[in-house]
N, C-alpha and C. Protein backbone atom coordinates (compact mmCIF):
# COMPACT_ATOMS: atom_id res chain seq x y z
N UNK A 1 -17.67 -3.96 -5.21
CA UNK A 1 -19.07 -2.96 -5.33
C UNK A 1 -20.02 -3.82 -4.36
N UNK A 2 -20.66 -3.64 -3.45
CA UNK A 2 -21.49 -3.86 -2.56
C UNK A 2 -23.29 -3.26 -3.52
N UNK A 3 -23.54 -4.47 -4.55
CA UNK A 3 -24.32 -4.87 -5.55
C UNK A 3 -25.81 -4.68 -4.78
N UNK A 4 -25.63 -5.62 -4.00
CA UNK A 4 -26.87 -6.44 -3.07
C UNK A 4 -27.07 -4.99 -2.15
N UNK A 5 -26.49 -4.04 -1.53
CA UNK A 5 -27.09 -3.44 -0.80
C UNK A 5 -27.35 -1.88 -1.36
N UNK A 6 -26.59 -1.75 -3.12
CA UNK A 6 -27.46 -0.74 -3.27
C UNK A 6 -28.76 -0.93 -3.93
N UNK A 7 -28.51 -2.13 -4.38
CA UNK A 7 -29.89 -2.52 -5.09
C UNK A 7 -30.95 -2.54 -3.95
N UNK A 8 -30.60 -2.92 -2.81
CA UNK A 8 -31.74 -3.14 -1.99
C UNK A 8 -32.02 -1.30 -0.92
N UNK A 9 -30.77 -0.74 -1.38
CA UNK A 9 -31.18 0.91 -0.89
C UNK A 9 -32.02 1.41 -1.90
N UNK A 10 -31.93 1.06 -3.10
CA UNK A 10 -32.76 1.49 -4.12
C UNK A 10 -33.84 1.39 -4.11
N UNK A 11 -34.38 0.14 -3.66
CA UNK A 11 -35.35 -0.40 -3.76
C UNK A 11 -36.44 0.30 -2.84
N UNK A 12 -35.77 0.37 -1.72
CA UNK A 12 -36.56 1.39 -0.54
C UNK A 12 -36.74 3.01 -1.03
N UNK A 13 -35.65 3.34 -1.74
CA UNK A 13 -35.93 4.51 -2.44
C UNK A 13 -37.01 4.92 -3.09
N UNK A 14 -37.48 3.64 -4.26
CA UNK A 14 -38.50 3.49 -4.89
C UNK A 14 -39.50 3.70 -4.47
N UNK A 15 -40.12 2.87 -3.17
CA UNK A 15 -41.07 2.75 -2.60
C UNK A 15 -41.25 3.69 -2.07
N UNK A 16 -40.09 4.85 -1.21
CA UNK A 16 -40.61 6.08 -1.02
C UNK A 16 -41.15 6.73 -1.80
N UNK A 17 -40.16 7.14 -2.75
CA UNK A 17 -40.75 8.05 -3.99
C UNK A 17 -42.61 7.25 -4.46
N UNK A 18 -42.58 6.20 -4.44
CA UNK A 18 -44.05 5.65 -4.78
C UNK A 18 -45.01 6.25 -3.55
N UNK A 19 -44.88 6.44 -2.30
CA UNK A 19 -45.80 6.81 -1.46
C UNK A 19 -45.91 8.14 -1.59
N UNK A 20 -44.85 9.32 -2.31
CA UNK A 20 -45.09 10.49 -2.47
C UNK A 20 -45.80 10.82 -3.27
N UNK A 21 -45.77 10.18 -4.49
CA UNK A 21 -46.66 9.66 -5.37
C UNK A 21 -48.09 9.60 -4.99
N UNK A 22 -48.04 8.93 -4.67
CA UNK A 22 -49.65 8.44 -3.98
C UNK A 22 -50.54 9.59 -3.00
N UNK A 23 -49.36 10.04 -2.26
CA UNK A 23 -49.54 11.35 -1.37
C UNK A 23 -50.21 12.36 -2.33
N UNK A 24 -49.69 12.59 -3.39
CA UNK A 24 -49.97 13.75 -3.93
C UNK A 24 -51.01 13.15 -4.94
N UNK A 25 -51.29 12.12 -5.35
CA UNK A 25 -52.63 11.79 -5.75
C UNK A 25 -53.62 11.91 -4.77
N UNK A 26 -53.70 11.47 -3.40
CA UNK A 26 -54.52 11.32 -2.66
C UNK A 26 -55.34 12.86 -2.62
N UNK A 27 -54.14 13.69 -2.38
CA UNK A 27 -54.66 15.02 -1.86
C UNK A 27 -55.32 15.98 -3.07
N UNK A 28 -54.80 15.15 -4.11
CA UNK A 28 -54.95 15.92 -5.50
C UNK A 28 -56.62 15.41 -5.36
N UNK A 29 -57.08 14.40 -5.15
CA UNK A 29 -58.41 13.96 -5.41
C UNK A 29 -59.46 15.13 -4.16
N UNK A 30 -58.76 14.73 -3.17
CA UNK A 30 -59.26 15.08 -1.73
C UNK A 30 -59.58 16.97 -1.88
N UNK A 31 -58.46 17.53 -2.27
CA UNK A 31 -58.35 19.02 -2.51
C UNK A 31 -58.45 20.09 -3.46
N UNK A 32 -58.61 18.69 -4.60
CA UNK A 32 -58.69 19.79 -5.84
C UNK A 32 -59.75 20.77 -6.05
N UNK A 33 -59.12 21.59 -7.11
CA UNK A 33 -59.33 23.17 -6.65
C UNK A 33 -59.14 23.82 -8.73
N UNK A 34 -60.27 23.73 -9.50
CA UNK A 34 -59.77 24.23 -10.78
C UNK A 34 -59.12 25.39 -10.58
N UNK A 35 -59.60 26.16 -10.09
CA UNK A 35 -59.12 27.80 -9.79
C UNK A 35 -57.61 27.48 -9.29
N UNK A 36 -57.18 26.60 -8.33
CA UNK A 36 -55.93 26.79 -8.15
C UNK A 36 -55.61 27.50 -7.07
N UNK A 37 -56.77 28.14 -6.15
CA UNK A 37 -56.92 28.92 -5.06
C UNK A 37 -57.17 28.73 -4.03
N UNK A 38 -57.34 27.45 -3.69
CA UNK A 38 -57.89 26.42 -2.14
C UNK A 38 -56.28 26.40 -1.53
N UNK A 39 -56.17 26.80 -0.49
CA UNK A 39 -55.21 27.15 0.54
C UNK A 39 -55.06 25.37 0.42
N UNK A 40 -55.78 24.68 1.06
CA UNK A 40 -55.49 23.17 1.12
C UNK A 40 -54.64 22.68 0.16
N UNK A 41 -55.00 23.25 -0.95
CA UNK A 41 -54.73 22.42 -2.58
C UNK A 41 -53.18 23.12 -2.92
N UNK A 42 -52.97 24.45 -2.27
CA UNK A 42 -51.89 24.78 -2.65
C UNK A 42 -50.59 24.41 -1.33
N UNK A 43 -51.33 23.59 -0.36
CA UNK A 43 -50.45 24.13 1.04
C UNK A 43 -49.26 22.24 0.48
N UNK A 44 -50.88 21.28 0.22
CA UNK A 44 -50.55 20.03 -0.22
C UNK A 44 -49.21 20.32 -1.52
N UNK A 45 -49.55 20.90 -2.52
CA UNK A 45 -48.07 21.20 -3.60
C UNK A 45 -46.99 21.42 -2.44
N UNK A 46 -47.06 22.12 -1.73
CA UNK A 46 -45.85 22.98 -1.25
C UNK A 46 -45.27 21.74 -0.59
N UNK A 47 -45.96 20.68 0.45
CA UNK A 47 -45.87 19.54 0.96
C UNK A 47 -44.86 18.62 -0.04
N UNK A 48 -45.90 18.39 -1.15
CA UNK A 48 -45.33 17.53 -1.89
C UNK A 48 -43.96 17.69 -2.47
N UNK A 49 -44.15 18.97 -2.93
CA UNK A 49 -42.26 19.35 -3.41
C UNK A 49 -41.34 19.59 -1.93
N UNK A 50 -41.71 19.66 -0.96
CA UNK A 50 -40.71 19.25 0.15
C UNK A 50 -40.30 18.07 0.46
N UNK A 51 -41.33 17.31 0.16
CA UNK A 51 -41.35 15.67 0.08
C UNK A 51 -40.15 15.40 -1.08
N UNK A 52 -40.70 15.27 -2.36
CA UNK A 52 -39.49 15.22 -3.34
C UNK A 52 -38.26 15.59 -3.19
N UNK A 53 -38.25 16.84 -2.47
CA UNK A 53 -36.80 17.30 -2.11
C UNK A 53 -35.89 16.34 -0.96
N UNK A 54 -36.82 15.99 -0.71
CA UNK A 54 -36.14 15.27 1.24
C UNK A 54 -35.84 14.21 0.12
N UNK A 55 -36.77 13.22 -0.36
CA UNK A 55 -36.14 11.99 -1.16
C UNK A 55 -35.32 12.36 -2.13
N UNK A 56 -35.12 13.21 -3.02
CA UNK A 56 -33.96 13.20 -3.53
C UNK A 56 -32.74 13.38 -2.67
N UNK A 57 -32.64 14.06 -1.50
CA UNK A 57 -31.60 14.11 -0.71
C UNK A 57 -31.08 13.32 -0.41
N UNK A 58 -32.37 12.32 0.51
CA UNK A 58 -32.29 10.98 0.87
C UNK A 58 -31.54 9.85 -0.05
N UNK A 59 -32.18 9.91 -1.04
CA UNK A 59 -31.31 8.53 -2.29
C UNK A 59 -29.77 9.13 -2.64
N UNK A 60 -29.74 10.44 -2.74
CA UNK A 60 -28.00 10.67 -2.99
C UNK A 60 -27.34 10.51 -1.64
N UNK A 61 -28.01 10.43 -0.62
CA UNK A 61 -26.94 10.41 0.82
C UNK A 61 -27.26 8.58 1.32
N UNK A 62 -28.02 7.84 0.79
CA UNK A 62 -28.29 6.73 1.15
C UNK A 62 -27.39 5.61 0.24
N UNK A 63 -27.13 6.25 -0.95
CA UNK A 63 -26.09 5.67 -2.31
C UNK A 63 -24.75 6.27 -1.82
N UNK A 64 -24.70 7.21 -1.37
CA UNK A 64 -23.15 7.62 -1.10
C UNK A 64 -22.83 6.60 -0.18
N UNK A 65 -23.12 6.80 1.18
CA UNK A 65 -23.12 6.20 2.31
C UNK A 65 -22.65 4.65 1.81
N UNK A 66 -23.31 3.66 0.97
CA UNK A 66 -22.72 2.86 0.92
C UNK A 66 -21.70 2.33 -0.20
N UNK A 67 -21.43 3.40 -0.82
CA UNK A 67 -20.20 3.68 -1.51
C UNK A 67 -18.99 3.79 -0.89
N UNK A 68 -19.28 4.64 0.19
CA UNK A 68 -18.32 5.03 0.84
C UNK A 68 -17.94 4.19 1.88
N UNK A 69 -19.09 3.40 2.50
CA UNK A 69 -18.91 2.31 3.70
C UNK A 69 -17.66 0.99 2.67
N UNK A 70 -18.56 0.98 1.35
CA UNK A 70 -17.44 -0.45 0.58
C UNK A 70 -16.27 0.10 0.61
N UNK A 71 -16.03 1.42 0.21
CA UNK A 71 -14.56 1.83 0.41
C UNK A 71 -13.96 1.68 1.75
N UNK A 72 -14.45 2.32 2.54
CA UNK A 72 -14.17 2.06 3.88
C UNK A 72 -13.51 0.37 4.21
N UNK A 73 -14.32 -0.47 3.83
CA UNK A 73 -14.17 -1.82 4.28
C UNK A 73 -13.09 -2.34 3.36
N UNK A 74 -12.87 -2.00 2.34
CA UNK A 74 -11.73 -2.22 1.18
C UNK A 74 -10.28 -1.77 1.43
N UNK A 75 -10.47 -0.27 2.37
CA UNK A 75 -9.15 0.21 3.37
C UNK A 75 -8.79 -0.74 4.29
N UNK A 76 -9.90 -1.35 4.95
CA UNK A 76 -9.51 -1.94 6.07
C UNK A 76 -9.33 -3.31 5.74
N UNK A 77 -9.52 -3.71 4.64
CA UNK A 77 -9.38 -4.96 4.50
C UNK A 77 -7.49 -5.17 3.92
N UNK A 78 -7.45 -4.05 3.29
CA UNK A 78 -5.74 -4.20 2.76
C UNK A 78 -4.92 -3.78 4.21
N UNK A 79 -5.58 -3.16 4.87
CA UNK A 79 -4.51 -2.80 6.14
C UNK A 79 -4.38 -3.77 7.18
N UNK A 80 -5.49 -4.89 6.97
CA UNK A 80 -5.55 -5.82 8.20
C UNK A 80 -4.47 -7.14 7.29
N UNK A 81 -4.38 -6.89 5.88
CA UNK A 81 -3.36 -7.76 5.47
C UNK A 81 -1.74 -7.73 5.76
N UNK A 82 -1.34 -6.12 5.69
CA UNK A 82 -0.51 -5.94 6.53
C UNK A 82 0.00 -6.65 7.83
N UNK A 83 -1.04 -6.04 8.60
CA UNK A 83 -1.03 -6.70 10.07
C UNK A 83 -0.78 -8.42 10.39
N UNK A 84 -1.31 -9.10 9.17
CA UNK A 84 -1.63 -10.35 9.23
C UNK A 84 -0.05 -10.98 8.82
N UNK A 85 0.35 -10.91 7.82
CA UNK A 85 1.58 -11.32 7.72
C UNK A 85 2.63 -10.89 8.58
N UNK A 86 2.73 -9.66 9.11
CA UNK A 86 3.47 -9.29 9.74
C UNK A 86 3.23 -10.39 11.37
N UNK A 87 2.28 -10.56 11.66
CA UNK A 87 1.90 -11.55 12.86
C UNK A 87 1.82 -13.05 12.79
N UNK A 88 1.59 -13.19 11.37
CA UNK A 88 1.44 -14.76 11.21
C UNK A 88 2.11 -15.90 11.85
N UNK A 89 2.16 -17.11 12.71
CA UNK A 89 2.79 -18.40 12.88
C UNK A 89 3.79 -17.60 13.37
N UNK A 90 4.91 -18.25 13.58
CA UNK A 90 6.11 -18.15 14.53
C UNK A 90 7.03 -17.12 14.05
N UNK A 91 6.82 -16.07 14.34
CA UNK A 91 7.65 -14.85 14.17
C UNK A 91 9.22 -14.99 13.98
N UNK A 92 9.83 -16.02 14.38
CA UNK A 92 11.31 -16.75 14.31
C UNK A 92 11.65 -17.29 13.10
N UNK A 93 10.37 -17.54 12.47
CA UNK A 93 11.16 -18.34 11.24
C UNK A 93 10.21 -17.58 9.64
N UNK A 94 10.84 -17.96 8.74
CA UNK A 94 10.73 -17.20 7.85
C UNK A 94 10.43 -15.74 7.98
N UNK A 95 11.91 -15.01 8.56
CA UNK A 95 11.77 -13.77 8.64
C UNK A 95 12.03 -13.06 7.60
N UNK A 96 12.75 -13.41 6.93
CA UNK A 96 13.18 -12.36 5.43
C UNK A 96 11.88 -12.16 4.48
N UNK A 97 11.34 -13.25 4.26
CA UNK A 97 10.13 -13.59 3.47
C UNK A 97 9.14 -12.59 3.78
N UNK A 98 8.93 -13.10 5.06
CA UNK A 98 7.93 -12.29 5.58
C UNK A 98 8.06 -10.59 5.84
N UNK A 99 9.49 -10.11 6.24
CA UNK A 99 9.47 -8.93 6.06
C UNK A 99 9.57 -8.34 4.50
N UNK A 100 10.34 -9.22 3.17
CA UNK A 100 9.70 -8.78 2.04
C UNK A 100 8.32 -8.48 1.73
N UNK A 101 7.45 -9.43 2.12
CA UNK A 101 6.08 -9.11 1.73
C UNK A 101 5.52 -8.15 1.99
N UNK A 102 6.08 -7.46 3.21
CA UNK A 102 5.23 -6.22 3.95
C UNK A 102 6.03 -5.12 3.25
N UNK A 103 7.34 -5.37 2.79
CA UNK A 103 8.06 -4.04 2.22
C UNK A 103 7.39 -4.33 0.24
N UNK A 104 6.75 -5.15 -0.28
CA UNK A 104 6.07 -5.43 -1.39
C UNK A 104 4.73 -4.60 -1.50
N UNK A 105 4.11 -4.82 -0.09
CA UNK A 105 3.02 -4.21 -0.15
C UNK A 105 2.79 -2.94 -0.06
N UNK A 106 3.82 -2.75 1.01
CA UNK A 106 4.07 -0.80 1.30
C UNK A 106 4.16 -0.22 -0.14
N UNK A 107 5.01 -1.23 -1.13
CA UNK A 107 5.52 -0.43 -2.16
C UNK A 107 4.19 -0.26 -3.22
N UNK A 108 3.44 -1.09 -2.70
CA UNK A 108 1.81 -0.99 -3.98
C UNK A 108 1.17 -0.09 -3.42
N UNK A 109 0.72 -0.21 -2.01
CA UNK A 109 -0.20 0.75 -0.99
C UNK A 109 0.15 2.21 -1.04
N UNK A 110 1.37 2.39 -1.26
CA UNK A 110 1.87 3.71 -1.28
C UNK A 110 1.95 4.74 -1.96
N UNK A 111 1.37 4.14 -3.49
CA UNK A 111 1.15 5.12 -4.96
C UNK A 111 -0.42 4.58 -4.76
N UNK A 112 -1.11 4.34 -3.98
CA UNK A 112 -2.61 4.47 -4.47
C UNK A 112 -3.42 5.52 -4.83
N UNK A 113 -3.46 6.58 -4.18
CA UNK A 113 -3.66 7.78 -4.66
C UNK A 113 -3.53 8.25 -5.89
N UNK A 114 -1.86 7.87 -6.42
CA UNK A 114 -1.51 8.19 -7.64
C UNK A 114 -2.42 7.46 -8.69
N UNK A 115 -2.36 6.53 -8.67
CA UNK A 115 -2.32 5.48 -9.78
C UNK A 115 -4.33 5.82 -9.71
N UNK A 116 -4.73 5.90 -8.61
CA UNK A 116 -6.26 5.87 -9.00
C UNK A 116 -7.30 7.52 -9.02
N UNK A 117 -6.20 7.81 -9.17
CA UNK A 117 -6.45 9.40 -9.41
C UNK A 117 -7.09 9.73 -10.79
N UNK A 118 -8.24 10.42 -11.07
CA UNK A 118 -8.57 10.24 -12.58
C UNK A 118 -7.95 11.06 -13.81
N UNK A 119 -6.93 11.39 -13.23
CA UNK A 119 -5.67 12.10 -14.46
C UNK A 119 -5.12 11.07 -14.91
N UNK A 120 -4.67 9.86 -14.09
CA UNK A 120 -4.54 8.63 -14.79
C UNK A 120 -5.17 8.02 -15.70
N UNK A 121 -4.29 7.53 -17.21
CA UNK A 121 -4.78 6.66 -18.21
C UNK A 121 -5.61 5.59 -17.56
N UNK A 122 -6.63 5.39 -18.26
CA UNK A 122 -7.80 4.17 -17.74
C UNK A 122 -6.99 2.77 -17.57
N UNK A 123 -6.03 2.78 -18.37
CA UNK A 123 -5.35 1.42 -18.62
C UNK A 123 -4.41 1.29 -17.26
N UNK A 124 -3.64 2.39 -16.80
CA UNK A 124 -2.89 2.41 -15.96
C UNK A 124 -3.55 2.04 -14.66
N UNK A 125 -4.67 2.76 -14.34
CA UNK A 125 -5.69 2.71 -13.31
C UNK A 125 -6.12 1.00 -13.34
N UNK A 126 -6.47 0.37 -14.31
CA UNK A 126 -6.80 -0.86 -14.04
C UNK A 126 -5.82 -1.37 -13.77
N UNK A 127 -4.12 -1.49 -14.38
CA UNK A 127 -3.22 -2.41 -14.38
C UNK A 127 -2.82 -2.40 -12.69
N UNK A 128 -3.03 -1.15 -12.11
CA UNK A 128 -2.83 -0.93 -10.81
C UNK A 128 -3.73 -1.68 -9.58
N UNK A 129 -4.70 -1.96 -10.25
CA UNK A 129 -5.89 -2.08 -9.59
C UNK A 129 -5.68 -3.91 -9.52
N UNK A 130 -5.43 -4.40 -10.94
CA UNK A 130 -5.25 -5.61 -10.91
C UNK A 130 -3.92 -6.31 -10.17
N UNK A 131 -2.89 -5.68 -10.43
CA UNK A 131 -1.82 -5.70 -9.50
C UNK A 131 -1.81 -5.76 -8.11
N UNK A 132 -2.50 -5.03 -7.63
CA UNK A 132 -2.78 -5.21 -6.41
C UNK A 132 -3.33 -6.04 -5.57
N UNK A 133 -4.24 -6.39 -6.35
CA UNK A 133 -4.91 -7.70 -6.04
C UNK A 133 -5.03 -8.71 -6.06
N UNK A 134 -3.63 -9.01 -7.30
CA UNK A 134 -2.86 -10.10 -7.07
C UNK A 134 -1.70 -10.75 -6.33
N UNK A 135 -1.43 -9.20 -5.53
CA UNK A 135 -0.40 -8.84 -4.69
C UNK A 135 -1.20 -9.42 -3.58
N UNK A 136 -2.00 -8.70 -3.38
CA UNK A 136 -2.78 -9.11 -2.47
C UNK A 136 -3.55 -10.74 -2.04
N UNK A 137 -3.39 -11.21 -2.74
CA UNK A 137 -3.26 -12.66 -3.32
C UNK A 137 -2.36 -13.44 -3.02
N UNK A 138 -1.34 -13.33 -3.54
CA UNK A 138 -0.08 -13.92 -2.94
C UNK A 138 -0.07 -13.78 -1.43
N UNK A 139 0.06 -12.60 -0.96
CA UNK A 139 0.52 -12.77 0.21
C UNK A 139 -0.68 -13.13 1.57
N UNK A 140 -2.02 -13.44 0.83
CA UNK A 140 -2.92 -14.19 1.81
C UNK A 140 -2.57 -15.32 1.61
N UNK A 141 -1.96 -15.99 0.48
CA UNK A 141 -1.78 -17.59 0.39
C UNK A 141 -0.51 -17.56 1.33
N UNK A 142 0.41 -16.79 1.71
CA UNK A 142 1.63 -16.64 2.09
C UNK A 142 1.32 -16.75 3.72
N UNK A 143 0.21 -15.76 4.03
CA UNK A 143 -0.11 -16.03 5.54
C UNK A 143 -0.47 -16.97 5.91
N UNK A 144 -1.64 -17.66 4.80
CA UNK A 144 -2.32 -18.93 5.35
C UNK A 144 -0.97 -19.91 5.37
N UNK A 145 -0.21 -19.94 4.67
CA UNK A 145 1.11 -20.85 4.88
C UNK A 145 1.57 -20.76 6.38
N UNK A 146 2.27 -19.52 6.75
CA UNK A 146 2.62 -18.99 7.70
C UNK A 146 1.72 -19.91 8.74
N UNK A 147 0.48 -19.55 8.79
CA UNK A 147 -0.33 -20.15 10.07
C UNK A 147 -0.51 -21.06 10.09
N UNK A 148 -0.82 -21.94 8.81
CA UNK A 148 -0.66 -23.47 9.06
C UNK A 148 0.66 -24.32 9.18
N UNK A 149 1.37 -23.77 9.11
CA UNK A 149 2.79 -24.44 8.77
C UNK A 149 3.47 -25.16 10.37
N UNK A 150 3.70 -26.41 10.09
CA UNK A 150 3.93 -26.82 11.28
C UNK A 150 5.63 -26.67 11.64
N UNK A 151 5.24 -25.51 12.51
CA UNK A 151 6.92 -25.45 13.05
C UNK A 151 7.82 -26.32 13.70
N UNK A 152 7.14 -27.07 14.40
CA UNK A 152 7.82 -28.37 15.06
C UNK A 152 8.64 -29.50 14.31
N UNK A 153 7.93 -29.93 13.51
CA UNK A 153 8.45 -31.15 12.58
C UNK A 153 8.76 -31.19 11.43
N UNK A 154 8.11 -29.91 10.84
CA UNK A 154 8.00 -29.73 9.38
C UNK A 154 9.29 -29.22 8.69
N UNK A 155 9.50 -29.56 7.38
CA UNK A 155 10.61 -29.16 6.62
C UNK A 155 10.11 -27.95 5.47
N UNK A 156 10.87 -27.13 5.25
CA UNK A 156 10.79 -25.91 4.39
C UNK A 156 10.84 -26.54 2.79
N UNK A 157 9.84 -26.43 2.25
CA UNK A 157 9.36 -27.17 1.32
C UNK A 157 9.95 -25.91 -0.35
N UNK A 158 10.14 -24.68 0.23
CA UNK A 158 10.68 -23.91 -0.65
C UNK A 158 9.16 -22.79 -1.19
N UNK A 159 7.88 -23.43 -0.78
CA UNK A 159 6.95 -22.73 -0.97
C UNK A 159 6.92 -21.01 -1.01
N UNK A 160 7.20 -20.43 0.31
CA UNK A 160 7.10 -19.02 0.74
C UNK A 160 8.40 -18.57 -0.09
N UNK A 161 9.28 -19.07 -0.46
CA UNK A 161 10.36 -18.04 -0.84
C UNK A 161 9.82 -18.36 -2.56
N UNK A 162 9.05 -19.26 -2.79
CA UNK A 162 8.51 -19.27 -4.51
C UNK A 162 7.63 -18.13 -4.28
N UNK A 163 6.63 -18.06 -3.37
CA UNK A 163 5.23 -17.20 -3.96
C UNK A 163 5.92 -15.93 -3.59
N UNK A 164 7.23 -15.57 -2.73
CA UNK A 164 7.77 -13.99 -2.84
C UNK A 164 8.74 -13.75 -4.12
N UNK A 165 9.30 -14.99 -4.51
CA UNK A 165 9.70 -14.81 -5.97
C UNK A 165 8.60 -14.03 -6.63
N UNK A 166 7.86 -14.92 -6.93
CA UNK A 166 6.73 -14.44 -7.96
C UNK A 166 6.13 -13.12 -7.59
N UNK A 167 6.04 -12.89 -6.29
CA UNK A 167 5.56 -11.35 -5.95
C UNK A 167 6.26 -10.43 -6.29
N UNK A 168 7.50 -10.63 -6.21
CA UNK A 168 8.94 -9.60 -6.34
C UNK A 168 8.87 -9.52 -7.67
N UNK A 169 8.24 -10.54 -8.85
CA UNK A 169 8.37 -10.51 -10.65
C UNK A 169 7.42 -9.47 -10.74
N UNK A 170 6.20 -10.02 -10.33
CA UNK A 170 4.89 -9.10 -10.64
C UNK A 170 5.24 -7.58 -10.09
N UNK A 171 5.71 -7.30 -9.13
CA UNK A 171 6.00 -5.94 -8.67
C UNK A 171 7.02 -5.10 -9.89
N UNK A 172 8.24 -5.95 -10.11
CA UNK A 172 9.12 -5.29 -11.14
C UNK A 172 8.14 -4.77 -12.10
N UNK A 173 7.26 -5.97 -12.68
CA UNK A 173 7.15 -5.79 -13.87
C UNK A 173 6.06 -4.32 -14.00
N UNK A 174 5.05 -4.39 -13.07
CA UNK A 174 4.54 -3.12 -12.87
C UNK A 174 5.20 -2.09 -12.89
N UNK A 175 6.60 -1.85 -11.95
CA UNK A 175 7.13 -0.60 -12.08
C UNK A 175 7.43 -0.56 -13.46
N UNK A 176 7.66 -1.31 -14.21
CA UNK A 176 8.68 -1.23 -15.35
C UNK A 176 7.37 -0.33 -16.78
N UNK A 177 6.00 -1.18 -16.07
CA UNK A 177 4.72 -0.32 -17.04
C UNK A 177 4.94 0.99 -16.28
N UNK A 178 5.18 1.44 -15.04
CA UNK A 178 4.70 2.65 -14.86
C UNK A 178 5.75 3.69 -15.34
N UNK A 179 7.05 3.37 -15.70
CA UNK A 179 7.65 4.30 -16.38
C UNK A 179 7.25 4.45 -17.84
N UNK A 180 6.85 2.99 -18.25
CA UNK A 180 6.18 3.48 -19.61
C UNK A 180 5.21 4.29 -19.43
N UNK A 181 4.47 4.37 -18.18
CA UNK A 181 3.31 5.57 -18.39
C UNK A 181 3.47 7.05 -18.37
N UNK A 182 4.81 7.48 -17.62
CA UNK A 182 5.36 8.42 -17.14
C UNK A 182 6.16 8.86 -18.04
N UNK A 183 6.26 7.88 -19.25
CA UNK A 183 6.84 8.95 -20.50
C UNK A 183 6.91 9.91 -21.00
N UNK A 184 8.15 10.34 -21.17
CA UNK A 184 7.93 12.26 -21.97
C UNK A 184 7.38 12.05 -23.27
N UNK A 185 7.77 10.99 -23.65
CA UNK A 185 7.90 10.80 -25.25
C UNK A 185 6.46 9.86 -25.62
N UNK A 186 5.33 10.91 -26.00
CA UNK A 186 3.83 10.37 -25.93
C UNK A 186 4.12 9.20 -27.20
N UNK A 187 4.89 9.40 -28.29
CA UNK A 187 4.66 8.43 -29.51
C UNK A 187 5.21 7.26 -28.80
N UNK A 188 6.50 7.00 -28.08
CA UNK A 188 6.81 6.04 -27.53
C UNK A 188 5.82 5.33 -26.20
N UNK A 189 5.21 5.82 -26.04
CA UNK A 189 4.20 5.68 -24.95
C UNK A 189 3.24 5.04 -25.80
N UNK A 190 2.50 5.61 -26.85
CA UNK A 190 1.38 5.08 -27.47
C UNK A 190 2.02 3.48 -28.27
N UNK A 191 3.11 3.26 -28.65
CA UNK A 191 3.72 2.48 -29.34
C UNK A 191 3.97 1.09 -28.57
N UNK A 192 4.03 1.49 -27.15
CA UNK A 192 4.40 0.75 -25.85
C UNK A 192 3.11 -0.29 -25.02
N UNK A 193 2.32 0.70 -25.24
CA UNK A 193 1.42 0.65 -24.27
C UNK A 193 0.57 -0.80 -24.46
N UNK A 194 1.09 -1.66 -25.94
CA UNK A 194 0.37 -2.87 -26.06
C UNK A 194 1.53 -3.98 -24.91
N UNK A 195 2.18 -3.75 -24.22
CA UNK A 195 2.94 -4.25 -23.25
C UNK A 195 2.34 -4.30 -21.77
N UNK A 196 1.40 -3.04 -21.80
CA UNK A 196 0.77 -3.14 -20.45
C UNK A 196 -0.81 -3.57 -21.04
N UNK A 197 -1.23 -3.80 -22.08
CA UNK A 197 -2.63 -4.56 -22.54
C UNK A 197 -1.77 -5.78 -22.30
N UNK A 198 -1.00 -6.44 -22.50
CA UNK A 198 -0.68 -7.79 -22.40
C UNK A 198 -0.30 -8.13 -20.79
N UNK A 199 -0.06 -7.35 -20.33
CA UNK A 199 0.22 -7.46 -18.45
C UNK A 199 -1.03 -7.68 -18.13
N UNK A 200 -1.94 -6.38 -18.44
CA UNK A 200 -3.47 -6.51 -18.10
C UNK A 200 -4.30 -7.92 -18.09
N UNK A 201 -4.17 -8.36 -19.63
CA UNK A 201 -4.49 -9.60 -20.37
C UNK A 201 -4.19 -10.69 -18.97
N UNK A 202 -2.66 -10.58 -18.91
CA UNK A 202 -2.24 -11.75 -17.57
C UNK A 202 -2.89 -12.17 -16.63
N UNK A 203 -3.13 -10.64 -16.64
CA UNK A 203 -3.51 -10.57 -14.78
C UNK A 203 -4.90 -10.82 -14.73
N UNK A 204 -5.74 -10.55 -15.97
CA UNK A 204 -7.09 -10.88 -15.87
C UNK A 204 -7.04 -12.58 -16.00
N UNK A 205 -6.55 -13.45 -16.33
CA UNK A 205 -6.36 -14.85 -16.54
C UNK A 205 -6.03 -15.20 -15.15
N UNK A 206 -5.17 -14.68 -14.30
CA UNK A 206 -4.75 -14.95 -13.09
C UNK A 206 -5.90 -15.11 -12.32
N UNK A 207 -6.34 -13.82 -12.02
CA UNK A 207 -7.55 -13.64 -11.24
C UNK A 207 -8.46 -14.67 -11.54
N UNK A 208 -8.85 -15.40 -12.77
CA UNK A 208 -10.11 -16.02 -12.42
C UNK A 208 -9.62 -17.60 -12.72
N UNK A 209 -8.51 -17.62 -11.96
CA UNK A 209 -7.47 -18.98 -11.57
C UNK A 209 -7.39 -19.14 -10.36
N UNK A 210 -7.11 -20.87 -10.04
CA UNK A 210 -6.71 -21.04 -8.59
C UNK A 210 -7.81 -20.63 -7.46
N UNK A 211 -6.94 -20.78 -6.28
CA UNK A 211 -7.77 -20.33 -5.24
C UNK A 211 -8.17 -19.24 -4.58
N UNK A 212 -8.66 -18.56 -4.01
CA UNK A 212 -8.79 -16.97 -3.52
C UNK A 212 -9.19 -16.17 -4.93
N UNK A 213 -10.22 -16.56 -6.18
CA UNK A 213 -10.65 -16.10 -7.10
C UNK A 213 -10.83 -13.99 -6.61
N UNK A 214 -10.48 -13.52 -7.65
CA UNK A 214 -10.45 -11.88 -7.04
C UNK A 214 -11.81 -11.47 -7.81
N UNK A 215 -12.16 -10.58 -7.48
CA UNK A 215 -13.33 -9.80 -7.82
C UNK A 215 -13.02 -8.61 -7.51
N UNK A 216 -13.54 -7.77 -8.72
CA UNK A 216 -13.11 -6.16 -8.85
C UNK A 216 -13.99 -5.33 -8.97
């Protein structure tokens, strides 16, 4: 989430509110009528109400715009990753690994709407986000490797295959947790959610280690 942008926007909103308050105070001093019958006094009250309504509307709009932009940027980032891994380096090399990364990424991305729905259990949503971000990390590392690999004289060290296998293990574990989350037996699900908690804890540790630290 773009905390800095939200803070900046709301500082501006506070300044605008302060100006509206100053306007009300100033006009109140100029057109104060203890009987409340002054036309100017009534007019300034109407203007103040209008300004406050406008301020409230702008505050909601500005905050929603930042949040929507943040969501759009994230979707673009995830979309660019698929394109990057599909075109990274020499396309004649590592064809199987490249295609498998794309398949795994599509598998994760295709279920975003389901797992991020408010109807899902909070732990399941958290598990999906952590899994997706870790998969993003794996594939980003793979793309870096493909783009920096010496296609003329380099020898395959097995690095890309290893990352591909780790990614598949992660996806398999995630799918296993999904099966638990849609279990028709609520008692079994409640008992086995410790596995979900363990996986979330493991992903949290992975998030904080190595390069490309993830931010949720």
